[in-house]
Amino acid sequence: MIVYCCADLIFATKIKGTCDALGLVSRPARDAGMLQNRLDRVDDGKPNGRVSAVLVDLDLGESALPLITQCRSHADPPRVVAWGPHVLVDLLKAAKEAGADPVLTRGSFTSSLPELLTQLADASTRD
């Protein structure tokens, strides 16, 4: 399952729609508590499979980097992909240092989303 932590409804809709079109299960996580529930596979009546990847929008503000750290410190850490504005060089670097790989600019993330999601899904079948 792919989890996305996204501040922007347009991006969230784009991620969800692309996952649906590719036949991938995805769920949002709007805060650290929701993310933890997804990582721990808490049963809420919706898909709660193993989280293979978490997509983190760096426009979430102060919560973005802690979400990356939260993923990396989980017992079964998923792959973490972060994206943000190209002008926020220090934030992109901090996301990489926190454990996100890859870290993409917003434009790169948007243009490569279908391929990226396919790669993440392919990687999860090898786990």
Foldseek 3Di string as FASTA:
>chain_A
DEEEADDDPVVVVVLVVLCVVVVHDYYYDPAPVSLVCLCVQPDPPDDRDHHQEYEFEPVNPPRRLVSLLSQVPDPDRHAYEYEEAPVPVVSLVSSVVSHHPPYYYPVVCVVCVNVVVVVSVVVVVVD
